[in-house]
Amino acid sequence: MTSLKYPFIFAAPQTLQPQIMKKLIQLLPVLCCHFVLAQEFFLDKNDKYGLKDRDGRVIVSGTYDDKRVFENGFAAVQKNQKWGFIDSRGKLVIPARYEDCRYFSEGLAMVKSDRNWIFIDKTGRQAFSGRYPDCEPFSEGLAAVYMVSEEIFEKDHYVEEKWAFIDKTGKVVIPPKYDKTQPFSGGIARVAIDDYWGLIDKNGREILKPKYQAIRSFNNEGLAMVLLRRKYGYIDKRGVEVIPAQYDALKGFSDGVTAAFAGGKWGYVDRNGKVIVPLQYEQCMPFKNGFGVAMLNGLWGILDKNGQKRLPFKYKLCGALNEQFAWVAMAEGAGYKCGFVKMGSGEEVFPLQFDGVDMTMQDGMVAVAKNGKVGYVNMAAKKIAIPMQYEKGFPFSEQLAAVLKGSNWGFVDVQGKEVIPFIYNNAQPFQNGRSLVEKNGEQFYIDKTGKRIAQ
């Protein structure tokens, strides 16, 4: 079951004062919730692990000496210093007979037998004959394995162990030549020789000769951060350095832009390496909703991608909701108060009165919190559309919001009408016309009328 976690509250940059972060943490219980896991390990009085279902019923009594988390429907368990696997029902599907084990990936798990690693399928059968000193999980049909690489120097044999890649038949498709590897993703793997990293494709063809001290994984923009002689840049999947490795620090990409740091100042650089906002700020946060948040003289303001100021540098915290509105926060006493203003002019839409606000706007509505209760404001109408009367709440989705009243969840519409009864132990926001809910320990989907529907 996917965990529900939507912490919506004014965003406190990690570089700010500890008391701001403390305030953030204090309000999170009001503004987020979680589904209970479908199964949960427990430790009994004899220090043995058993398994409970989501209602707390014991389905496996204290049996195991150690355990690992469920992944892909299986959890590794240890008994008498040997490891095996149980399924989500608690059934021991692969006997505890291995020295060690790792999780299943693409239908195969790694287990250690006679001091070497082998791959097994979900029935416990060995997938192929290969045995390795070390190995990594399969990804995109290939797995990295540690094996002997034999090279001949004159008449003497020089034998060493290197990393290679095998397919699911155990065939070596990329020979052992690497000192370090990372799994394939998008048809590309990061590999290292003598502590320098490069890129290869699934045929073993060298895309980028090893030259960097580090290459991070590729992001959604198709770019990877690199480190070269203590300077950071970005490369694309061709191995081309699209942002030169000349910055002291870079942040992750968002909206096609990254925050960059050099000479003691921050600014913004686009994916082509162009500096779109000069490096002149004390701090910059990632772009969101088309805008960046930066600090100047200890106060925060908002910039667009042309470097134009869209909100004055006068706030303790702030962020853009869209092109029209922004949320802002100022210190008040020992805490902070939040409100909303117009972008550009900074004209007040809602005064500083809330203890916390959502960082996003959905269906024209923004969640707000005050005195431990959650409600919603309508930004276009400039009014509190739903009073702050709920214990917890989620952002609106498809014109409905899941809210907690007392100890039960239900749904309200944008007018504040309670349209689906408060009868659920947990509920998720609507997606594609259905919501995942939980009632009396059972999880199922409902439509927008509250009617139960097939998965």
Protein backbone atom coordinates (compact mmCIF):
# COMPACT_ATOMS: atom_id res chain seq x y z
CA MET A 1 0.00 0.00 0.00
CA THR A 2 1.35 3.38 -0.94
CA SER A 3 2.00 5.58 2.06
CA LEU A 4 0.02 8.78 2.19
CA LYS A 5 2.25 11.73 2.81
CA TYR A 6 1.37 15.25 1.77
CA PRO A 7 3.10 17.62 4.19
CA PHE A 8 1.79 20.97 3.05
CA ILE A 9 3.07 23.85 5.11
CA PHE A 10 5.19 26.87 4.45
CA ALA A 11 8.56 25.69 3.17
CA ALA A 12 11.45 26.29 5.53
CA PRO A 13 14.80 26.25 3.70
CA GLN A 14 17.24 24.04 5.57
CA THR A 15 19.75 26.85 5.83
CA LEU A 16 17.42 28.97 7.94
CA GLN A 17 17.23 29.21 11.70
CA PRO A 18 16.56 26.00 13.66
CA GLN A 19 13.42 27.47 15.22
CA ILE A 20 11.79 27.69 11.79
CA MET A 21 12.44 24.02 11.18
CA LYS A 22 11.11 23.26 14.66
CA LYS A 23 7.92 25.14 13.83
CA LEU A 24 7.63 23.15 10.59
CA ILE A 25 8.00 19.83 12.40
CA GLN A 26 5.46 20.80 15.06
CA LEU A 27 2.76 21.39 12.45
CA LEU A 28 3.37 18.34 10.28
CA PRO A 29 1.07 16.03 12.31
CA VAL A 30 -1.84 18.34 11.48
CA LEU A 31 -1.11 18.36 7.79
CA CYS A 32 -0.22 14.84 6.77
CA CYS A 33 -1.23 11.26 7.35
CA HIS A 34 -0.22 7.72 6.48
CA PHE A 35 -1.87 4.45 5.66
CA VAL A 36 -0.88 1.62 7.94
CA LEU A 37 1.30 -0.95 6.21
CA ALA A 38 -0.47 -4.12 5.11
CA GLN A 39 1.89 -6.12 7.34
CA GLU A 40 4.29 -5.20 10.11
CA PHE A 41 7.03 -7.06 11.95
CA PHE A 42 7.00 -7.11 15.74
CA LEU A 43 9.49 -8.25 18.37
CA ASP A 44 8.13 -10.56 21.07
CA LYS A 45 9.28 -10.99 24.68
CA ASN A 46 11.81 -13.61 23.58
CA ASP A 47 13.40 -11.20 21.10
CA LYS A 48 11.98 -13.09 18.14
CA TYR A 49 10.36 -11.41 15.16
CA GLY A 50 6.83 -12.19 14.07
CA LEU A 51 4.38 -10.60 11.66
CA LYS A 52 1.09 -8.76 12.20
CA ASP A 53 -1.52 -7.70 9.68
CA ARG A 54 -2.74 -4.08 9.42
CA ASP A 55 -5.34 -4.71 12.13
CA GLY A 56 -2.69 -5.86 14.56
CA ARG A 57 -3.59 -9.55 14.33
CA VAL A 58 -0.62 -11.90 14.64
CA ILE A 59 -0.23 -13.91 11.44
CA VAL A 60 3.25 -15.25 12.25
CA SER A 61 4.27 -15.69 15.89
CA GLY A 62 7.75 -14.77 17.09
CA THR A 63 9.94 -17.03 14.97
CA TYR A 64 12.84 -15.21 13.38
CA ASP A 65 16.12 -13.85 14.76
CA ASP A 66 16.32 -10.97 12.27
CA LYS A 67 14.38 -9.54 9.34
CA ARG A 68 14.51 -7.02 6.55
CA VAL A 69 11.80 -4.83 5.04
CA PHE A 70 9.32 -6.04 2.43
CA GLU A 71 10.36 -5.29 -1.14
CA ASN A 72 8.53 -6.47 -4.24
CA GLY A 73 6.27 -8.69 -2.14
CA PHE A 74 9.00 -10.50 -0.20
CA ALA A 75 10.91 -9.96 3.04
CA ALA A 76 14.15 -11.66 4.03
CA VAL A 77 14.11 -13.39 7.43
CA GLN A 78 16.85 -15.06 9.47
CA LYS A 79 16.60 -18.18 11.62
CA ASN A 80 19.50 -20.10 13.17
CA GLN A 81 21.94 -17.79 11.37
CA LYS A 82 20.48 -18.67 7.96
CA TRP A 83 18.39 -16.48 5.65
CA GLY A 84 15.28 -17.13 3.60
CA PHE A 85 12.21 -15.25 2.33
CA ILE A 86 8.58 -14.90 3.40
CA ASP A 87 5.75 -13.52 1.29
CA SER A 88 3.22 -10.86 2.31
CA ARG A 89 1.05 -13.52 3.98
CA GLY A 90 3.95 -14.56 6.19
CA LYS A 91 4.47 -17.87 4.41
CA LEU A 92 8.09 -19.05 4.26
CA VAL A 93 8.38 -19.45 0.49
CA ILE A 94 12.17 -19.86 0.34
CA PRO A 95 13.66 -21.82 3.28
CA ALA A 96 16.20 -20.17 5.56
CA ARG A 97 19.33 -21.89 4.29
CA TYR A 98 21.54 -19.09 3.00
CA GLU A 99 24.44 -17.28 4.66
CA ASP A 100 23.08 -13.91 3.53
CA CYS A 101 20.61 -12.53 1.03
CA ARG A 102 19.54 -9.39 -0.78
CA TYR A 103 16.21 -8.32 -2.17
CA PHE A 104 14.36 -9.45 -5.31
CA SER A 105 14.72 -7.35 -8.43
CA GLU A 106 13.23 -8.21 -11.83
CA GLY A 107 12.20 -11.60 -10.47
CA LEU A 108 15.61 -12.65 -9.14
CA ALA A 109 17.21 -12.35 -5.70
CA MET A 110 20.84 -12.54 -4.65
CA VAL A 111 21.71 -15.10 -1.95
CA LYS A 112 25.02 -16.16 -0.46
CA SER A 113 25.90 -19.83 -0.43
CA ASP A 114 29.33 -21.33 0.37
CA ARG A 115 30.81 -17.82 0.60
CA ASN A 116 29.73 -16.88 -2.93
CA TRP A 117 26.68 -15.12 -4.32
CA ILE A 118 24.18 -16.76 -6.66
CA PHE A 119 20.88 -15.66 -8.19
CA ILE A 120 17.62 -17.48 -7.40
CA ASP A 121 14.08 -17.11 -8.72
CA LYS A 122 10.90 -16.76 -6.64
CA THR A 123 10.65 -20.53 -6.18
CA GLY A 124 14.15 -20.68 -4.72
CA ARG A 125 15.63 -22.36 -7.80
CA GLN A 126 19.08 -21.20 -8.88
CA ALA A 127 18.59 -19.15 -12.03
CA PHE A 128 21.96 -20.09 -13.64
CA SER A 129 25.23 -21.66 -12.59
CA GLY A 130 27.31 -18.52 -12.00
CA ARG A 131 28.81 -17.93 -8.54
CA TYR A 132 30.39 -14.58 -7.63
CA PRO A 133 32.40 -12.97 -4.80
CA ASP A 134 29.95 -10.06 -5.02
CA CYS A 135 27.08 -8.90 -7.21
CA GLU A 136 24.39 -6.27 -7.61
CA PRO A 137 20.66 -6.60 -8.42
CA PHE A 138 19.34 -6.84 -11.98
CA SER A 139 18.29 -3.61 -13.63
CA GLU A 140 17.03 -3.41 -17.22
CA GLY A 141 17.96 -7.06 -17.72
CA LEU A 142 21.60 -6.74 -16.65
CA ALA A 143 23.38 -7.19 -13.31
CA ALA A 144 26.87 -6.17 -12.24
CA VAL A 145 28.97 -9.06 -10.89
CA TYR A 146 32.47 -9.17 -9.40
CA MET A 147 34.61 -11.75 -11.16
CA VAL A 148 38.14 -12.65 -12.15
CA SER A 149 39.76 -10.68 -14.93
CA GLU A 150 42.85 -12.36 -16.34
CA GLU A 151 45.46 -10.35 -18.18
CA ILE A 152 48.82 -11.54 -19.55
CA PHE A 153 51.97 -9.51 -18.97
CA GLU A 154 54.77 -11.07 -21.02
CA LYS A 155 54.95 -14.69 -19.81
CA ASP A 156 53.33 -14.16 -16.44
CA HIS A 157 49.63 -14.19 -15.70
CA TYR A 158 48.27 -11.26 -13.78
CA VAL A 159 44.89 -12.09 -12.24
CA GLU A 160 42.60 -9.56 -10.59
CA GLU A 161 38.91 -9.14 -9.88
CA LYS A 162 36.82 -6.56 -11.70
CA TRP A 163 33.14 -5.78 -12.23
CA ALA A 164 31.34 -7.10 -15.30
CA PHE A 165 27.70 -7.24 -16.44
CA ILE A 166 25.70 -10.42 -17.06
CA ASP A 167 22.25 -11.08 -18.52
CA LYS A 168 19.57 -13.29 -16.94
CA THR A 169 21.08 -16.44 -18.41
CA GLY A 170 24.36 -15.69 -16.65
CA LYS A 171 26.11 -14.82 -19.91
CA VAL A 172 28.81 -12.14 -19.57
CA VAL A 173 27.72 -9.39 -21.97
CA ILE A 174 30.16 -6.71 -20.76
CA PRO A 175 33.57 -8.12 -19.73
CA PRO A 176 35.18 -7.55 -16.30
CA LYS A 177 37.12 -4.32 -16.48
CA TYR A 178 35.58 -1.87 -14.00
CA ASP A 179 36.52 -1.02 -10.42
CA LYS A 180 33.05 0.29 -9.57
CA THR A 181 29.66 0.26 -11.26
CA GLN A 182 26.13 1.58 -10.88
CA PRO A 183 23.00 -0.18 -12.24
CA PHE A 184 21.72 0.50 -15.74
CA SER A 185 19.02 3.14 -16.01
CA GLY A 186 17.63 4.39 -19.29
CA GLY A 187 20.12 2.19 -21.14
CA ILE A 188 23.13 3.83 -19.48
CA ALA A 189 25.39 2.71 -16.62
CA ARG A 190 27.93 4.72 -14.68
CA VAL A 191 31.25 2.87 -14.40
CA ALA A 192 34.61 3.69 -12.82
CA ILE A 193 38.23 2.80 -13.57
CA ASP A 194 40.87 3.95 -11.08
CA ASP A 195 38.32 6.14 -9.25
CA TYR A 196 37.33 8.02 -12.41
CA TRP A 197 33.76 7.70 -13.65
CA GLY A 198 32.38 7.47 -17.17
CA LEU A 199 29.33 6.10 -19.03
CA ILE A 200 28.65 2.96 -21.08
CA ASP A 201 25.63 1.62 -22.96
CA LYS A 202 24.17 -1.91 -22.70
CA ASN A 203 26.53 -3.18 -25.40
CA GLY A 204 29.51 -2.04 -23.35
CA ARG A 205 30.20 0.83 -25.75
CA GLU A 206 31.94 3.73 -24.07
CA ILE A 207 29.72 6.82 -24.18
CA LEU A 208 31.98 8.87 -21.95
CA LYS A 209 35.58 7.98 -21.11
CA PRO A 210 36.12 7.86 -17.32
CA LYS A 211 37.26 11.34 -16.27
CA TYR A 212 35.08 12.60 -13.42
CA GLN A 213 35.52 12.10 -9.67
CA ALA A 214 31.76 11.53 -9.43
CA ILE A 215 28.71 11.26 -11.67
CA ARG A 216 25.28 11.34 -10.07
CA SER A 217 22.24 9.58 -11.51
CA PHE A 218 20.43 11.21 -14.44
CA ASN A 219 17.43 13.36 -13.50
CA ASN A 220 14.12 13.88 -15.26
CA GLU A 221 15.76 16.53 -17.42
CA GLY A 222 18.15 13.89 -18.79
CA LEU A 223 21.11 15.50 -17.02
CA ALA A 224 23.58 14.22 -14.42
CA MET A 225 25.66 16.28 -12.02
CA VAL A 226 29.42 15.70 -12.26
CA LEU A 227 32.44 16.55 -10.11
CA LEU A 228 35.76 17.47 -11.71
CA ARG A 229 38.66 18.87 -9.70
CA ARG A 230 36.32 19.99 -6.90
CA LYS A 231 34.01 21.82 -9.29
CA TYR A 232 30.47 20.84 -10.28
CA GLY A 233 28.72 20.80 -13.63
CA TYR A 234 26.13 18.78 -15.57
CA ILE A 235 26.42 16.35 -18.49
CA ASP A 236 23.72 15.01 -20.80
CA LYS A 237 23.23 11.36 -21.84
CA ARG A 238 25.71 11.80 -24.68
CA GLY A 239 28.36 12.63 -22.10
CA VAL A 240 28.47 16.25 -23.26
CA GLU A 241 29.17 18.81 -20.52
CA VAL A 242 26.19 21.12 -20.99
CA ILE A 243 26.91 23.07 -17.80
CA PRO A 244 30.67 23.52 -17.34
CA ALA A 245 32.24 22.02 -14.22
CA GLN A 246 33.11 25.42 -12.78
CA TYR A 247 30.73 25.87 -9.85
CA ASP A 248 31.39 25.34 -6.15
CA ALA A 249 27.90 23.90 -5.69
CA LEU A 250 24.80 23.13 -7.74
CA LYS A 251 21.30 22.11 -6.71
CA GLY A 252 18.90 19.76 -8.46
CA PHE A 253 17.06 20.81 -11.60
CA SER A 254 13.49 22.06 -11.40
CA ASP A 255 11.53 23.80 -14.14
CA GLY A 256 14.61 23.48 -16.37
CA VAL A 257 16.76 25.55 -13.98
CA THR A 258 19.35 24.81 -11.29
CA ALA A 259 20.66 27.04 -8.53
CA ALA A 260 24.42 27.60 -8.86
CA PHE A 261 27.03 28.79 -6.34
CA ALA A 262 30.41 30.37 -7.06
CA GLY A 263 32.44 33.16 -5.49
CA GLY A 264 30.33 33.03 -2.35
CA LYS A 265 27.05 33.90 -4.14
CA TRP A 266 24.07 32.05 -5.62
CA GLY A 267 22.20 32.50 -8.87
CA TYR A 268 20.40 30.39 -11.50
CA VAL A 269 21.62 28.56 -14.61
CA ASP A 270 19.46 26.92 -17.29
CA ARG A 271 19.99 23.46 -18.81
CA ASN A 272 22.12 24.93 -21.61
CA GLY A 273 24.58 26.43 -19.13
CA LYS A 274 23.32 30.00 -19.56
CA VAL A 275 23.33 32.13 -16.40
CA ILE A 276 19.76 33.45 -16.36
CA VAL A 277 19.93 35.06 -12.89
CA PRO A 278 23.29 36.55 -11.87
CA LEU A 279 25.16 34.95 -8.96
CA GLN A 280 24.54 37.70 -6.43
CA TYR A 281 22.29 36.18 -3.76
CA GLU A 282 23.00 34.71 -0.34
CA GLN A 283 20.83 31.69 -1.00
CA CYS A 284 18.57 30.31 -3.73
CA MET A 285 15.91 27.63 -3.59
CA PRO A 286 14.88 25.45 -6.56
CA PHE A 287 12.42 26.92 -9.08
CA LYS A 288 8.79 25.95 -8.56
CA ASN A 289 5.72 26.95 -10.55
CA GLY A 290 8.02 28.92 -12.87
CA PHE A 291 9.64 31.04 -10.15
CA GLY A 292 12.68 30.99 -7.91
CA VAL A 293 13.03 32.10 -4.30
CA ALA A 294 16.23 33.88 -3.31
CA MET A 295 17.67 35.59 -0.23
CA LEU A 296 19.15 39.10 -0.25
CA ASN A 297 20.33 40.85 2.92
CA GLY A 298 18.78 38.10 5.04
CA LEU A 299 15.28 38.36 3.53
CA TRP A 300 13.53 36.36 0.83
CA GLY A 301 11.91 37.44 -2.42
CA ILE A 302 10.77 35.87 -5.70
CA LEU A 303 12.41 36.01 -9.15
CA ASP A 304 11.32 34.89 -12.62
CA LYS A 305 13.52 33.19 -15.21
CA ASN A 306 14.55 36.56 -16.62
CA GLY A 307 15.96 37.57 -13.26
CA GLN A 308 13.15 40.08 -12.76
CA LYS A 309 11.97 40.66 -9.19
CA ARG A 310 8.38 39.44 -8.83
CA LEU A 311 8.13 39.88 -5.06
CA PRO A 312 10.20 42.27 -2.92
CA PHE A 313 12.99 40.93 -0.71
CA LYS A 314 11.19 41.61 2.58
CA TYR A 315 9.89 38.27 3.85
CA LYS A 316 11.20 35.69 6.28
CA LEU A 317 9.85 32.96 3.97
CA CYS A 318 7.88 32.97 0.71
CA GLY A 319 7.01 31.00 -2.40
CA ALA A 320 5.03 31.34 -5.62
CA LEU A 321 1.69 29.56 -6.02
CA ASN A 322 1.35 30.64 -9.66
CA GLU A 323 1.85 33.79 -11.73
CA GLN A 324 -0.75 35.67 -9.68
CA PHE A 325 -0.31 34.68 -6.04
CA ALA A 326 2.40 33.90 -3.51
CA TRP A 327 2.42 32.73 0.08
CA VAL A 328 4.54 34.68 2.56
CA ALA A 329 5.61 34.34 6.19
CA MET A 330 6.91 36.82 8.76
CA ALA A 331 8.16 36.43 12.31
CA GLU A 332 5.62 37.13 15.03
CA GLY A 333 6.66 36.74 18.64
CA ALA A 334 8.35 33.38 19.07
CA GLY A 335 6.76 31.98 15.91
CA TYR A 336 5.66 32.87 12.41
CA LYS A 337 2.45 33.89 10.68
CA CYS A 338 1.60 33.23 7.06
CA GLY A 339 -0.57 34.94 4.50
CA PHE A 340 -1.00 35.46 0.76
CA VAL A 341 -0.06 38.34 -1.54
CA LYS A 342 -0.27 39.21 -5.23
CA MET A 343 2.80 38.59 -7.32
CA GLY A 344 4.42 41.73 -8.64
CA SER A 345 2.77 44.31 -6.43
CA GLY A 346 2.95 42.38 -3.16
CA GLU A 347 -0.61 43.54 -2.43
CA GLU A 348 -2.09 41.64 0.48
CA VAL A 349 -4.76 39.06 -0.39
CA PHE A 350 -4.96 37.39 3.02
CA PRO A 351 -3.27 39.02 6.02
CA LEU A 352 -0.63 37.22 8.06
CA GLN A 353 -2.96 35.11 10.20
CA PHE A 354 -2.25 31.44 9.50
CA ASP A 355 0.15 29.13 11.33
CA GLY A 356 0.87 27.19 8.16
CA VAL A 357 -0.13 27.20 4.49
CA ASP A 358 0.12 24.82 1.57
CA MET A 359 2.91 25.43 -0.95
CA THR A 360 0.64 24.64 -3.89
CA MET A 361 -2.79 25.64 -5.18
CA GLN A 362 -5.20 23.02 -6.54
CA ASP A 363 -8.64 23.74 -8.03
CA GLY A 364 -8.16 27.37 -6.95
CA MET A 365 -7.96 26.28 -3.31
CA VAL A 366 -5.08 26.39 -0.83
CA ALA A 367 -5.02 24.54 2.48
CA VAL A 368 -4.29 26.59 5.60
CA ALA A 369 -3.79 25.75 9.26
CA LYS A 370 -4.50 27.69 12.44
CA ASN A 371 -4.61 26.60 16.06
CA GLY A 372 -4.14 22.97 15.07
CA LYS A 373 -7.06 22.92 12.60
CA VAL A 374 -7.13 22.78 8.80
CA GLY A 375 -9.33 24.71 6.38
CA TYR A 376 -9.12 26.09 2.83
CA VAL A 377 -9.00 29.49 1.18
CA ASN A 378 -10.33 30.33 -2.29
CA MET A 379 -7.67 32.51 -3.88
CA ALA A 380 -9.78 33.89 -6.74
CA ALA A 381 -12.68 34.78 -4.43
CA LYS A 382 -10.26 36.02 -1.75
CA LYS A 383 -12.19 34.33 1.04
CA ILE A 384 -11.92 31.51 3.52
CA ALA A 385 -14.08 29.00 1.67
CA ILE A 386 -13.90 26.20 4.23
CA PRO A 387 -13.45 27.15 7.90
CA MET A 388 -10.50 25.73 9.84
CA GLN A 389 -12.37 22.93 11.58
CA TYR A 390 -10.68 19.70 10.49
CA GLU A 391 -7.94 17.77 12.26
CA LYS A 392 -6.06 16.98 9.04
CA GLY A 393 -6.48 17.59 5.34
CA PHE A 394 -5.03 17.03 1.90
CA PRO A 395 -4.78 19.40 -1.06
CA PHE A 396 -7.80 19.47 -3.37
CA SER A 397 -7.74 17.03 -6.26
CA GLU A 398 -10.46 16.76 -8.90
CA GLN A 399 -12.64 19.27 -7.00
CA LEU A 400 -12.60 17.23 -3.77
CA ALA A 401 -10.38 17.18 -0.68
CA ALA A 402 -9.95 14.39 1.87
CA VAL A 403 -10.26 15.76 5.41
CA LEU A 404 -10.25 14.25 8.89
CA LYS A 405 -13.08 15.11 11.27
CA GLY A 406 -12.73 13.59 14.70
CA SER A 407 -11.28 10.17 13.98
CA ASN A 408 -12.79 9.55 10.54
CA TRP A 409 -12.05 10.70 7.02
CA GLY A 410 -14.48 12.04 4.43
CA PHE A 411 -14.50 14.43 1.48
CA VAL A 412 -15.56 18.04 0.96
CA ASP A 413 -16.08 19.97 -2.28
CA VAL A 414 -14.81 23.47 -3.08
CA GLN A 415 -17.93 25.01 -1.50
CA GLY A 416 -17.16 23.18 1.75
CA LYS A 417 -20.06 20.73 1.40
CA GLU A 418 -19.34 17.34 2.96
CA VAL A 419 -20.14 15.21 -0.08
CA ILE A 420 -18.76 11.81 1.01
CA PRO A 421 -19.52 10.73 4.60
CA PHE A 422 -16.90 10.63 7.34
CA ILE A 423 -16.76 6.87 7.72
CA TYR A 424 -13.21 5.97 6.67
CA ASN A 425 -10.13 5.21 8.75
CA ASN A 426 -7.90 6.57 5.98
CA ALA A 427 -8.33 8.12 2.56
CA GLN A 428 -6.22 9.23 -0.39
CA PRO A 429 -6.88 12.17 -2.74
CA PHE A 430 -8.85 11.37 -5.89
CA GLN A 431 -6.92 10.39 -9.02
CA ASN A 432 -8.64 9.55 -12.30
CA GLY A 433 -12.04 9.60 -10.64
CA ARG A 434 -11.31 7.22 -7.77
CA SER A 435 -9.90 7.36 -4.24
CA LEU A 436 -8.22 4.62 -2.22
CA VAL A 437 -9.82 4.42 1.23
CA GLU A 438 -9.61 2.19 4.28
CA LYS A 439 -12.53 1.09 6.46
CA ASN A 440 -12.41 -1.42 9.30
CA GLY A 441 -9.02 -2.64 8.13
CA GLU A 442 -10.09 -3.17 4.51
CA GLN A 443 -8.71 -1.05 1.68
CA PHE A 444 -10.71 -0.42 -1.49
CA TYR A 445 -11.57 2.23 -4.09
CA ILE A 446 -14.57 4.56 -4.18
CA ASP A 447 -15.91 6.92 -6.86
CA LYS A 448 -16.89 10.55 -6.35
CA THR A 449 -20.30 9.56 -5.04
CA GLY A 450 -18.72 7.39 -2.36
CA LYS A 451 -19.75 4.19 -4.13
CA ARG A 452 -17.34 1.28 -3.86
CA ILE A 453 -15.82 0.32 -7.21
CA ALA A 454 -13.68 -2.53 -8.54
CA GLN A 455 -9.93 -2.00 -8.63
